[in-house]
Amino acid sequence: MKSAAVYLMIGIVRLIALLPLKGAHGLGWFIGIMLWRTRSGSAKVVLRNLELCFPEKSEQERKQLAKRSLIALGKTYAEMGVAWVWPIPKVNDLITQVEGMEHLQKALDDQNGIILIAPHLGNWELLNHFFRQYLFMTVMYKPPKIPALDKFIFNTRKRVDVGLVPADKKGVIALFKLLKNKGVIAVLPDQEPSLKSGVFAPFYGQQALTGKLISDLAKKTPAFLLCCYAKRLEDGTYGVVLKPASDDIRSDDPLVSATALNQSIEECINDCPEQYQWVYKRFRKQPDGAKLYR
């Protein structure tokens, strides 16, 4: 992406942030509908993922879910300006409901550190705002190659006062050190890692290359394992959901651990499947080399 395009994109994000929430959602609805009606590449990936993960559903049911998923995705995109640019108190006001607060309180009371497991479900950007009201957390950050975009995204993270470590070996070492000191880290569990950094494990009945980082962190520390996501409610505001993850993630068996992690993610997704990022090619690599995407 050229610098001019980056500045244009940043400008669009700031313009969208001038809209009221209902206006941003209207724009997001339009984006999602266009992705669906034009049979875009995104729509094809979503349909394929739903075909793989929900074979028990009829074709019509999967199409309806795919359409709702793309609309939800469009709204999430449109909300980025809201989460990144709106005044922090105004963003915090969008979180009108919290489910499982007792689990977060227990994790804080235990004082053994916390691993926040945050799948790409709902609006994950709002989680930064929610958790900052109760704790200081650190996340991995991979800087974009274009300086202007890097500066913009970096500043949106830092304004909420979130700790950042590089997404490399040094960053992993930093995460271990933070947990050793009873700190709090957040990890995205559903992105495809490299072959050496992952293990194939079932995810909705399909083999998915699953990262071993969370397993390694959990096995070597007593940190509380807490799944979290911010789902969009019917009135357009958000409800944060907190759920303890399976303790089997601490298993010494990589397959058992990865399977437990994926099952914990599935439990979150099943709450609001249309708000999951089905547009991502989660099953791109397969143990037998099969190509599941056309």
C-alpha atoms as a PDB file:
ATOM      1  CA  MET A   1       0.000   0.000   0.000  1.00  0.00           C
ATOM      2  CA  LYS A   2       1.442   3.373  -1.048  1.00  0.00           C
ATOM      3  CA  SER A   3       1.779   6.232   1.423  1.00  0.00           C
ATOM      4  CA  ALA A   4      -0.909   8.295  -0.340  1.00  0.00           C
ATOM      5  CA  ALA A   5      -3.392   5.451   0.028  1.00  0.00           C
ATOM      6  CA  VAL A   6      -2.481   5.092   3.705  1.00  0.00           C
ATOM      7  CA  TYR A   7      -3.121   8.775   4.397  1.00  0.00           C
ATOM      8  CA  LEU A   8      -6.430   8.486   2.522  1.00  0.00           C
ATOM      9  CA  MET A   9      -7.411   5.465   4.622  1.00  0.00           C
ATOM     10  CA  ILE A  10      -6.511   7.273   7.862  1.00  0.00           C
ATOM     11  CA  GLY A  11      -8.530  10.264   6.696  1.00  0.00           C
ATOM     12  CA  ILE A  12     -11.542   8.039   5.985  1.00  0.00           C
ATOM     13  CA  VAL A  13     -11.255   6.460   9.447  1.00  0.00           C
ATOM     14  CA  ARG A  14     -11.252   9.925  11.024  1.00  0.00           C
ATOM     15  CA  LEU A  15     -14.221  11.016   8.922  1.00  0.00           C
ATOM     16  CA  ILE A  16     -16.213   7.924   9.937  1.00  0.00           C
ATOM     17  CA  ALA A  17     -15.389   8.747  13.554  1.00  0.00           C
ATOM     18  CA  LEU A  18     -17.386  11.969  13.103  1.00  0.00           C
ATOM     19  CA  LEU A  19     -20.543   9.920  12.583  1.00  0.00           C
ATOM     20  CA  PRO A  20     -22.832   8.932  15.430  1.00  0.00           C
ATOM     21  CA  LEU A  21     -22.745   5.219  16.255  1.00  0.00           C
ATOM     22  CA  LYS A  22     -25.978   4.588  14.345  1.00  0.00           C
ATOM     23  CA  GLY A  23     -24.478   6.268  11.276  1.00  0.00           C
ATOM     24  CA  ALA A  24     -21.301   4.177  11.511  1.00  0.00           C
ATOM     25  CA  HIS A  25     -23.403   1.028  11.778  1.00  0.00           C
ATOM     26  CA  GLY A  26     -25.439   2.093   8.761  1.00  0.00           C
ATOM     27  CA  LEU A  27     -22.261   2.490   6.758  1.00  0.00           C
ATOM     28  CA  GLY A  28     -21.039  -0.882   8.020  1.00  0.00           C
ATOM     29  CA  TRP A  29     -24.329  -2.498   6.993  1.00  0.00           C
ATOM     30  CA  PHE A  30     -23.890  -1.098   3.482  1.00  0.00           C
ATOM     31  CA  ILE A  31     -20.304  -2.401   3.289  1.00  0.00           C
ATOM     32  CA  GLY A  32     -21.423  -5.865   4.382  1.00  0.00           C
ATOM     33  CA  ILE A  33     -24.365  -5.959   1.966  1.00  0.00           C
ATOM     34  CA  MET A  34     -22.111  -4.955  -0.937  1.00  0.00           C
ATOM     35  CA  LEU A  35     -19.591  -7.650  -0.025  1.00  0.00           C
ATOM     36  CA  TRP A  36     -22.428 -10.165  -0.084  1.00  0.00           C
ATOM     37  CA  ARG A  37     -24.315  -9.005  -3.191  1.00  0.00           C
ATOM     38  CA  THR A  38     -21.197  -8.688  -5.344  1.00  0.00           C
ATOM     39  CA  ARG A  39     -20.158 -12.247  -4.389  1.00  0.00           C
ATOM     40  CA  SER A  40     -16.829 -10.834  -3.326  1.00  0.00           C
ATOM     41  CA  GLY A  41     -13.784 -12.888  -2.439  1.00  0.00           C
ATOM     42  CA  SER A  42     -14.612 -12.252   1.213  1.00  0.00           C
ATOM     43  CA  ALA A  43     -18.094 -13.703   0.731  1.00  0.00           C
ATOM     44  CA  LYS A  44     -16.662 -16.826  -0.902  1.00  0.00           C
ATOM     45  CA  VAL A  45     -14.218 -17.393   1.962  1.00  0.00           C
ATOM     46  CA  VAL A  46     -16.977 -16.936   4.556  1.00  0.00           C
ATOM     47  CA  LEU A  47     -19.244 -19.413   2.765  1.00  0.00           C
ATOM     48  CA  ARG A  48     -16.423 -21.944   2.493  1.00  0.00           C
ATOM     49  CA  ASN A  49     -15.538 -21.639   6.176  1.00  0.00           C
ATOM     50  CA  LEU A  50     -19.180 -22.082   7.168  1.00  0.00           C
ATOM     51  CA  GLU A  51     -19.467 -25.098   4.859  1.00  0.00           C
ATOM     52  CA  LEU A  52     -16.452 -26.673   6.586  1.00  0.00           C
ATOM     53  CA  CYS A  53     -17.460 -25.770  10.149  1.00  0.00           C
ATOM     54  CA  PHE A  54     -21.237 -26.251  10.012  1.00  0.00           C
ATOM     55  CA  PRO A  55     -21.920 -29.166   7.640  1.00  0.00           C
ATOM     56  CA  GLU A  56     -25.068 -29.982   9.652  1.00  0.00           C
ATOM     57  CA  LYS A  57     -26.662 -26.691   8.559  1.00  0.00           C
ATOM     58  CA  SER A  58     -28.544 -26.458   5.270  1.00  0.00           C
ATOM     59  CA  GLU A  59     -27.079 -24.450   2.402  1.00  0.00           C
ATOM     60  CA  GLN A  60     -29.736 -21.785   2.935  1.00  0.00           C
ATOM     61  CA  GLU A  61     -28.931 -21.532   6.637  1.00  0.00           C
ATOM     62  CA  ARG A  62     -25.246 -21.087   5.855  1.00  0.00           C
ATOM     63  CA  LYS A  63     -26.019 -18.393   3.294  1.00  0.00           C
ATOM     64  CA  GLN A  64     -28.112 -16.494   5.816  1.00  0.00           C
ATOM     65  CA  LEU A  65     -25.341 -16.784   8.409  1.00  0.00           C
ATOM     66  CA  ALA A  66     -22.742 -15.677   5.842  1.00  0.00           C
ATOM     67  CA  LYS A  67     -24.786 -12.583   4.980  1.00  0.00           C
ATOM     68  CA  ARG A  68     -25.178 -11.661   8.666  1.00  0.00           C
ATOM     69  CA  SER A  69     -21.475 -12.291   9.197  1.00  0.00           C
ATOM     70  CA  LEU A  70     -20.454  -9.903   6.429  1.00  0.00           C
ATOM     71  CA  ILE A  71     -22.808  -7.222   7.752  1.00  0.00           C
ATOM     72  CA  ALA A  72     -21.296  -7.667  11.224  1.00  0.00           C
ATOM     73  CA  LEU A  73     -17.822  -7.457   9.692  1.00  0.00           C
ATOM     74  CA  GLY A  74     -18.762  -4.239   7.898  1.00  0.00           C
ATOM     75  CA  LYS A  75     -19.999  -2.758  11.176  1.00  0.00           C
ATOM     76  CA  THR A  76     -16.782  -3.783  12.927  1.00  0.00           C
ATOM     77  CA  TYR A  77     -14.737  -2.038  10.227  1.00  0.00           C
ATOM     78  CA  ALA A  78     -16.878   1.094  10.531  1.00  0.00           C
ATOM     79  CA  GLU A  79     -16.471   1.036  14.305  1.00  0.00           C
ATOM     80  CA  MET A  80     -12.686   1.170  14.113  1.00  0.00           C
ATOM     81  CA  GLY A  81     -12.835   4.951  13.844  1.00  0.00           C
ATOM     82  CA  VAL A  82     -15.080   4.982  16.899  1.00  0.00           C
ATOM     83  CA  ALA A  83     -12.711   2.845  18.977  1.00  0.00           C
ATOM     84  CA  TRP A  84      -9.565   4.591  17.746  1.00  0.00           C
ATOM     85  CA  VAL A  85     -10.638   8.244  17.647  1.00  0.00           C
ATOM     86  CA  TRP A  86     -13.599   8.897  19.945  1.00  0.00           C
ATOM     87  CA  PRO A  87     -12.774  10.257  23.436  1.00  0.00           C
ATOM     88  CA  ILE A  88     -12.034   7.341  25.756  1.00  0.00           C
ATOM     89  CA  PRO A  89     -14.960   8.014  28.158  1.00  0.00           C
ATOM     90  CA  LYS A  90     -17.334   8.060  25.171  1.00  0.00           C
ATOM     91  CA  VAL A  91     -15.970   4.709  23.938  1.00  0.00           C
ATOM     92  CA  ASN A  92     -16.285   3.230  27.422  1.00  0.00           C
ATOM     93  CA  ASP A  93     -19.962   4.220  27.443  1.00  0.00           C
ATOM     94  CA  LEU A  94     -20.544   1.843  24.507  1.00  0.00           C
ATOM     95  CA  ILE A  95     -19.954  -1.095  26.879  1.00  0.00           C
ATOM     96  CA  THR A  96     -23.349  -1.423  28.534  1.00  0.00           C
ATOM     97  CA  GLN A  97     -23.201  -5.009  29.742  1.00  0.00           C
ATOM     98  CA  VAL A  98     -20.607  -7.317  31.312  1.00  0.00           C
ATOM     99  CA  GLU A  99     -21.042 -11.071  31.685  1.00  0.00           C
ATOM    100  CA  GLY A 100     -18.655 -13.044  33.879  1.00  0.00           C
ATOM    101  CA  MET A 101     -17.156 -10.169  35.826  1.00  0.00           C
ATOM    102  CA  GLU A 102     -16.722 -12.564  38.744  1.00  0.00           C
ATOM    103  CA  HIS A 103     -14.124 -14.482  36.726  1.00  0.00           C
ATOM    104  CA  LEU A 104     -12.054 -11.359  36.136  1.00  0.00           C
ATOM    105  CA  GLN A 105     -12.328 -10.480  39.818  1.00  0.00           C
ATOM    106  CA  LYS A 106     -11.123 -13.958  40.791  1.00  0.00           C
ATOM    107  CA  ALA A 107      -8.204 -13.658  38.394  1.00  0.00           C
ATOM    108  CA  LEU A 108      -7.273 -10.311  39.925  1.00  0.00           C
ATOM    109  CA  ASP A 109      -7.652 -11.659  43.463  1.00  0.00           C
ATOM    110  CA  ASP A 110      -5.464 -14.694  42.716  1.00  0.00           C
ATOM    111  CA  GLN A 111      -2.580 -12.382  41.807  1.00  0.00           C
ATOM    112  CA  ASN A 112      -0.916 -15.053  39.672  1.00  0.00           C
ATOM    113  CA  GLY A 113      -1.027 -13.105  36.438  1.00  0.00           C
ATOM    114  CA  ILE A 114      -3.635 -13.369  33.683  1.00  0.00           C
ATOM    115  CA  ILE A 115      -3.556 -14.618  30.087  1.00  0.00           C
ATOM    116  CA  LEU A 116      -6.420 -12.968  28.207  1.00  0.00           C
ATOM    117  CA  ILE A 117      -7.442 -15.117  25.235  1.00  0.00           C
ATOM    118  CA  ALA A 118      -9.233 -12.849  22.758  1.00  0.00           C
ATOM    119  CA  PRO A 119     -10.484 -14.436  19.512  1.00  0.00           C
ATOM    120  CA  HIS A 120     -11.480 -12.268  16.544  1.00  0.00           C
ATOM    121  CA  LEU A 121     -15.067 -12.088  17.704  1.00  0.00           C
ATOM    122  CA  GLY A 122     -17.208  -8.970  17.939  1.00  0.00           C
ATOM    123  CA  ASN A 123     -15.134  -5.805  18.309  1.00  0.00           C
ATOM    124  CA  TRP A 124     -11.807  -6.775  19.869  1.00  0.00           C
ATOM    125  CA  GLU A 125     -10.634  -3.156  19.883  1.00  0.00           C
ATOM    126  CA  LEU A 126     -13.154  -2.344  22.605  1.00  0.00           C
ATOM    127  CA  LEU A 127     -11.510  -4.870  24.907  1.00  0.00           C
ATOM    128  CA  ASN A 128      -8.529  -2.536  25.278  1.00  0.00           C
ATOM    129  CA  HIS A 129     -10.876   0.118  26.651  1.00  0.00           C
ATOM    130  CA  PHE A 130     -12.717  -2.287  28.930  1.00  0.00           C
ATOM    131  CA  PHE A 131      -9.707  -3.909  30.562  1.00  0.00           C
ATOM    132  CA  ARG A 132      -7.831  -0.660  31.058  1.00  0.00           C
ATOM    133  CA  GLN A 133     -10.463   0.272  33.625  1.00  0.00           C
ATOM    134  CA  TYR A 134      -9.293  -2.632  35.820  1.00  0.00           C
ATOM    135  CA  LEU A 135      -5.714  -3.517  34.931  1.00  0.00           C
ATOM    136  CA  PHE A 136      -2.669  -2.843  32.776  1.00  0.00           C
ATOM    137  CA  MET A 137      -2.134  -5.382  30.019  1.00  0.00           C
ATOM    138  CA  THR A 138       0.490  -6.005  27.380  1.00  0.00           C
ATOM    139  CA  VAL A 139      -0.098  -7.213  23.825  1.00  0.00           C
ATOM    140  CA  MET A 140       2.115  -8.224  20.931  1.00  0.00           C
ATOM    141  CA  TYR A 141       2.437  -5.697  18.127  1.00  0.00           C
ATOM    142  CA  LYS A 142       3.729  -6.202  14.600  1.00  0.00           C
ATOM    143  CA  PRO A 143       4.466  -2.765  13.104  1.00  0.00           C
ATOM    144  CA  PRO A 144       3.186  -2.151   9.554  1.00  0.00           C
ATOM    145  CA  LYS A 145       5.942  -1.469   7.022  1.00  0.00           C
ATOM    146  CA  ILE A 146       4.576   1.987   6.200  1.00  0.00           C
ATOM    147  CA  PRO A 147       5.626   4.514   8.895  1.00  0.00           C
ATOM    148  CA  ALA A 148       2.455   6.639   8.682  1.00  0.00           C
ATOM    149  CA  LEU A 149       0.218   3.630   9.264  1.00  0.00           C
ATOM    150  CA  ASP A 150       2.507   2.332  12.009  1.00  0.00           C
ATOM    151  CA  LYS A 151       2.372   5.675  13.825  1.00  0.00           C
ATOM    152  CA  PHE A 152      -1.417   5.892  13.567  1.00  0.00           C
ATOM    153  CA  ILE A 153      -2.083   2.354  14.856  1.00  0.00           C
ATOM    154  CA  PHE A 154       0.611   2.630  17.538  1.00  0.00           C
ATOM    155  CA  ASN A 155      -0.890   5.867  18.845  1.00  0.00           C
ATOM    156  CA  THR A 156      -4.409   4.386  18.962  1.00  0.00           C
ATOM    157  CA  ARG A 157      -3.081   1.579  21.177  1.00  0.00           C
ATOM    158  CA  LYS A 158      -0.983   3.806  23.411  1.00  0.00           C
ATOM    159  CA  ARG A 159      -3.753   6.330  24.064  1.00  0.00           C
ATOM    160  CA  VAL A 160      -5.548   3.577  26.001  1.00  0.00           C
ATOM    161  CA  ASP A 161      -2.262   2.930  27.816  1.00  0.00           C
ATOM    162  CA  VAL A 162      -1.709  -0.639  26.632  1.00  0.00           C
ATOM    163  CA  GLY A 163       1.751  -2.173  26.833  1.00  0.00           C
ATOM    164  CA  LEU A 164       3.252  -3.251  23.506  1.00  0.00           C
ATOM    165  CA  VAL A 165       5.956  -5.814  22.765  1.00  0.00           C
ATOM    166  CA  PRO A 166       7.233  -6.857  19.320  1.00  0.00           C
ATOM    167  CA  ALA A 167       5.720  -9.914  17.672  1.00  0.00           C
ATOM    168  CA  ASP A 168       9.001 -11.819  17.596  1.00  0.00           C
ATOM    169  CA  LYS A 169      11.266 -13.897  19.841  1.00  0.00           C
ATOM    170  CA  LYS A 170      12.092 -10.881  22.012  1.00  0.00           C
ATOM    171  CA  GLY A 171       8.392 -10.225  22.462  1.00  0.00           C
ATOM    172  CA  VAL A 172       7.749 -13.820  23.552  1.00  0.00           C
ATOM    173  CA  ILE A 173      10.534 -13.570  26.122  1.00  0.00           C
ATOM    174  CA  ALA A 174       8.984 -10.327  27.355  1.00  0.00           C
ATOM    175  CA  LEU A 175       5.603 -12.032  27.781  1.00  0.00           C
ATOM    176  CA  PHE A 176       7.135 -14.810  29.884  1.00  0.00           C
ATOM    177  CA  LYS A 177       8.871 -12.221  32.036  1.00  0.00           C
ATOM    178  CA  LEU A 178       5.638 -10.272  32.514  1.00  0.00           C
ATOM    179  CA  LEU A 179       3.763 -13.394  33.619  1.00  0.00           C
ATOM    180  CA  LYS A 180       6.600 -14.357  35.937  1.00  0.00           C
ATOM    181  CA  ASN A 181       6.047 -10.977  37.592  1.00  0.00           C
ATOM    182  CA  LYS A 182       2.279 -11.667  37.815  1.00  0.00           C
ATOM    183  CA  GLY A 183       1.414  -9.306  34.979  1.00  0.00           C
ATOM    184  CA  VAL A 184      -1.422  -9.436  32.439  1.00  0.00           C
ATOM    185  CA  ILE A 185      -1.025 -10.229  28.747  1.00  0.00           C
ATOM    186  CA  ALA A 186      -3.517 -10.573  25.893  1.00  0.00           C
ATOM    187  CA  VAL A 187      -3.055 -13.026  23.026  1.00  0.00           C
ATOM    188  CA  LEU A 188      -5.034 -13.561  19.804  1.00  0.00           C
ATOM    189  CA  PRO A 189      -5.501 -17.353  19.617  1.00  0.00           C
ATOM    190  CA  ASP A 190      -7.001 -17.878  16.174  1.00  0.00           C
ATOM    191  CA  GLN A 191      -4.410 -16.726  13.658  1.00  0.00           C
ATOM    192  CA  GLU A 192      -2.488 -19.305  11.668  1.00  0.00           C
ATOM    193  CA  PRO A 193       1.130 -19.568  12.897  1.00  0.00           C
ATOM    194  CA  SER A 194       4.152 -20.935  11.089  1.00  0.00           C
ATOM    195  CA  LEU A 195       4.457 -24.730  10.958  1.00  0.00           C
ATOM    196  CA  LYS A 196       7.217 -24.755  13.581  1.00  0.00           C
ATOM    197  CA  SER A 197       5.168 -22.571  15.941  1.00  0.00           C
ATOM    198  CA  GLY A 198       1.957 -24.577  15.735  1.00  0.00           C
ATOM    199  CA  VAL A 199       0.303 -27.961  15.896  1.00  0.00           C
ATOM    200  CA  PHE A 200      -2.640 -29.282  13.901  1.00  0.00           C
ATOM    201  CA  ALA A 201      -5.720 -29.676  16.101  1.00  0.00           C
ATOM    202  CA  PRO A 202      -9.481 -29.889  15.468  1.00  0.00           C
ATOM    203  CA  PHE A 203     -11.434 -26.662  15.191  1.00  0.00           C
ATOM    204  CA  TYR A 204     -15.105 -27.194  14.367  1.00  0.00           C
ATOM    205  CA  GLY A 205     -14.171 -30.666  13.157  1.00  0.00           C
ATOM    206  CA  GLN A 206     -11.465 -29.447  10.758  1.00  0.00           C
ATOM    207  CA  GLN A 207      -7.705 -29.644  11.176  1.00  0.00           C
ATOM    208  CA  ALA A 208      -6.426 -26.151  11.970  1.00  0.00           C
ATOM    209  CA  LEU A 209      -2.804 -25.154  12.496  1.00  0.00           C
ATOM    210  CA  THR A 210      -2.995 -23.790  16.038  1.00  0.00           C
ATOM    211  CA  GLY A 211      -0.358 -21.666  17.765  1.00  0.00           C
ATOM    212  CA  LYS A 212       1.546 -23.140  20.722  1.00  0.00           C
ATOM    213  CA  LEU A 213       2.331 -19.803  22.382  1.00  0.00           C
ATOM    214  CA  ILE A 214      -0.640 -19.786  24.767  1.00  0.00           C
ATOM    215  CA  SER A 215       0.037 -23.399  25.710  1.00  0.00           C
ATOM    216  CA  ASP A 216       3.702 -22.661  26.429  1.00  0.00           C
ATOM    217  CA  LEU A 217       2.809 -19.603  28.507  1.00  0.00           C
ATOM    218  CA  ALA A 218       0.142 -21.510  30.437  1.00  0.00           C
ATOM    219  CA  LYS A 219       2.339 -24.535  31.188  1.00  0.00           C
ATOM    220  CA  LYS A 220       5.173 -22.488  32.614  1.00  0.00           C
ATOM    221  CA  THR A 221       3.141 -20.022  34.709  1.00  0.00           C
ATOM    222  CA  PRO A 222       0.159 -20.232  37.084  1.00  0.00           C
ATOM    223  CA  ALA A 223      -1.572 -17.393  35.229  1.00  0.00           C
ATOM    224  CA  PHE A 224      -5.386 -17.390  35.095  1.00  0.00           C
ATOM    225  CA  LEU A 225      -6.671 -18.347  31.607  1.00  0.00           C
ATOM    226  CA  LEU A 226      -9.554 -16.057  30.649  1.00  0.00           C
ATOM    227  CA  CYS A 227     -11.372 -15.958  27.308  1.00  0.00           C
ATOM    228  CA  CYS A 228     -12.874 -12.597  26.424  1.00  0.00           C
ATOM    229  CA  TYR A 229     -14.819 -10.892  23.648  1.00  0.00           C
ATOM    230  CA  ALA A 230     -17.049  -7.861  23.110  1.00  0.00           C
ATOM    231  CA  LYS A 231     -20.238  -8.776  21.255  1.00  0.00           C
ATOM    232  CA  ARG A 232     -22.530  -6.271  19.577  1.00  0.00           C
ATOM    233  CA  LEU A 233     -25.963  -6.111  21.198  1.00  0.00           C
ATOM    234  CA  GLU A 234     -29.278  -5.448  19.462  1.00  0.00           C
ATOM    235  CA  ASP A 235     -29.213  -1.756  20.360  1.00  0.00           C
ATOM    236  CA  GLY A 236     -25.734  -1.353  18.815  1.00  0.00           C
ATOM    237  CA  THR A 237     -23.868  -1.116  22.102  1.00  0.00           C
ATOM    238  CA  TYR A 238     -21.580  -3.845  23.401  1.00  0.00           C
ATOM    239  CA  GLY A 239     -21.558  -6.553  26.003  1.00  0.00           C
ATOM    240  CA  VAL A 240     -18.198  -7.850  27.217  1.00  0.00           C
ATOM    241  CA  VAL A 241     -18.158 -11.582  27.939  1.00  0.00           C
ATOM    242  CA  LEU A 242     -15.555 -13.223  30.192  1.00  0.00           C
ATOM    243  CA  LYS A 243     -15.189 -17.011  30.408  1.00  0.00           C
ATOM    244  CA  PRO A 244     -12.510 -19.189  32.025  1.00  0.00           C
ATOM    245  CA  ALA A 245     -10.672 -21.196  29.383  1.00  0.00           C
ATOM    246  CA  SER A 246     -10.142 -24.950  29.675  1.00  0.00           C
ATOM    247  CA  ASP A 247      -7.352 -25.887  32.074  1.00  0.00           C
ATOM    248  CA  ASP A 248      -6.388 -28.645  29.624  1.00  0.00           C
ATOM    249  CA  ILE A 249      -4.570 -25.908  27.735  1.00  0.00           C
ATOM    250  CA  ARG A 250      -1.792 -26.530  30.294  1.00  0.00           C
ATOM    251  CA  SER A 251      -1.389 -30.142  29.127  1.00  0.00           C
ATOM    252  CA  ASP A 252       2.114 -31.290  28.239  1.00  0.00           C
ATOM    253  CA  ASP A 253       0.622 -33.008  25.178  1.00  0.00           C
ATOM    254  CA  PRO A 254       0.630 -30.359  22.387  1.00  0.00           C
ATOM    255  CA  LEU A 255      -2.418 -31.897  20.690  1.00  0.00           C
ATOM    256  CA  VAL A 256      -4.460 -32.038  23.903  1.00  0.00           C
ATOM    257  CA  SER A 257      -3.489 -28.458  24.705  1.00  0.00           C
ATOM    258  CA  ALA A 258      -4.301 -27.091  21.230  1.00  0.00           C
ATOM    259  CA  THR A 259      -7.582 -29.002  21.115  1.00  0.00           C
ATOM    260  CA  ALA A 260      -8.601 -27.535  24.481  1.00  0.00           C
ATOM    261  CA  LEU A 261      -7.721 -24.043  23.256  1.00  0.00           C
ATOM    262  CA  ASN A 262      -9.806 -24.450  20.106  1.00  0.00           C
ATOM    263  CA  GLN A 263     -12.734 -25.827  22.094  1.00  0.00           C
ATOM    264  CA  SER A 264     -12.603 -22.784  24.366  1.00  0.00           C
ATOM    265  CA  ILE A 265     -12.664 -20.539  21.292  1.00  0.00           C
ATOM    266  CA  GLU A 266     -15.610 -22.482  19.850  1.00  0.00           C
ATOM    267  CA  GLU A 267     -17.587 -21.904  23.059  1.00  0.00           C
ATOM    268  CA  CYS A 268     -17.097 -18.173  22.608  1.00  0.00           C
ATOM    269  CA  ILE A 269     -18.028 -18.209  18.915  1.00  0.00           C
ATOM    270  CA  ASN A 270     -21.186 -20.260  19.482  1.00  0.00           C
ATOM    271  CA  ASP A 271     -22.565 -17.373  21.569  1.00  0.00           C
ATOM    272  CA  CYS A 272     -22.708 -15.075  18.506  1.00  0.00           C
ATOM    273  CA  PRO A 273     -21.368 -16.952  15.435  1.00  0.00           C
ATOM    274  CA  GLU A 274     -22.337 -14.198  12.993  1.00  0.00           C
ATOM    275  CA  GLN A 275     -19.852 -11.855  14.721  1.00  0.00           C
ATOM    276  CA  TYR A 276     -16.813 -14.092  14.207  1.00  0.00           C
ATOM    277  CA  GLN A 277     -14.218 -13.205  11.569  1.00  0.00           C
ATOM    278  CA  TRP A 278     -15.121 -16.004   9.147  1.00  0.00           C
ATOM    279  CA  VAL A 279     -13.449 -14.025   6.366  1.00  0.00           C
ATOM    280  CA  TYR A 280     -10.056 -15.359   7.532  1.00  0.00           C
ATOM    281  CA  LYS A 281      -8.710 -18.494   5.791  1.00  0.00           C
ATOM    282  CA  ARG A 282      -8.284 -20.437   9.015  1.00  0.00           C
ATOM    283  CA  PHE A 283      -7.680 -23.794   7.301  1.00  0.00           C
ATOM    284  CA  ARG A 284      -5.213 -22.667   4.658  1.00  0.00           C
ATOM    285  CA  LYS A 285      -2.523 -25.166   5.718  1.00  0.00           C
ATOM    286  CA  GLN A 286      -3.461 -28.824   6.081  1.00  0.00           C
ATOM    287  CA  PRO A 287      -1.385 -31.752   7.401  1.00  0.00           C
ATOM    288  CA  ASP A 288      -1.893 -33.664   4.135  1.00  0.00           C
ATOM    289  CA  GLY A 289      -1.291 -30.611   1.953  1.00  0.00           C
ATOM    290  CA  ALA A 290      -4.937 -30.451   0.837  1.00  0.00           C
ATOM    291  CA  LYS A 291      -6.255 -27.153  -0.548  1.00  0.00           C
ATOM    292  CA  LEU A 292      -9.553 -26.299   1.109  1.00  0.00           C
ATOM    293  CA  TYR A 293      -9.937 -22.888  -0.551  1.00  0.00           C
ATOM    294  CA  ARG A 294     -10.400 -22.392  -4.260  1.00  0.00           C
END
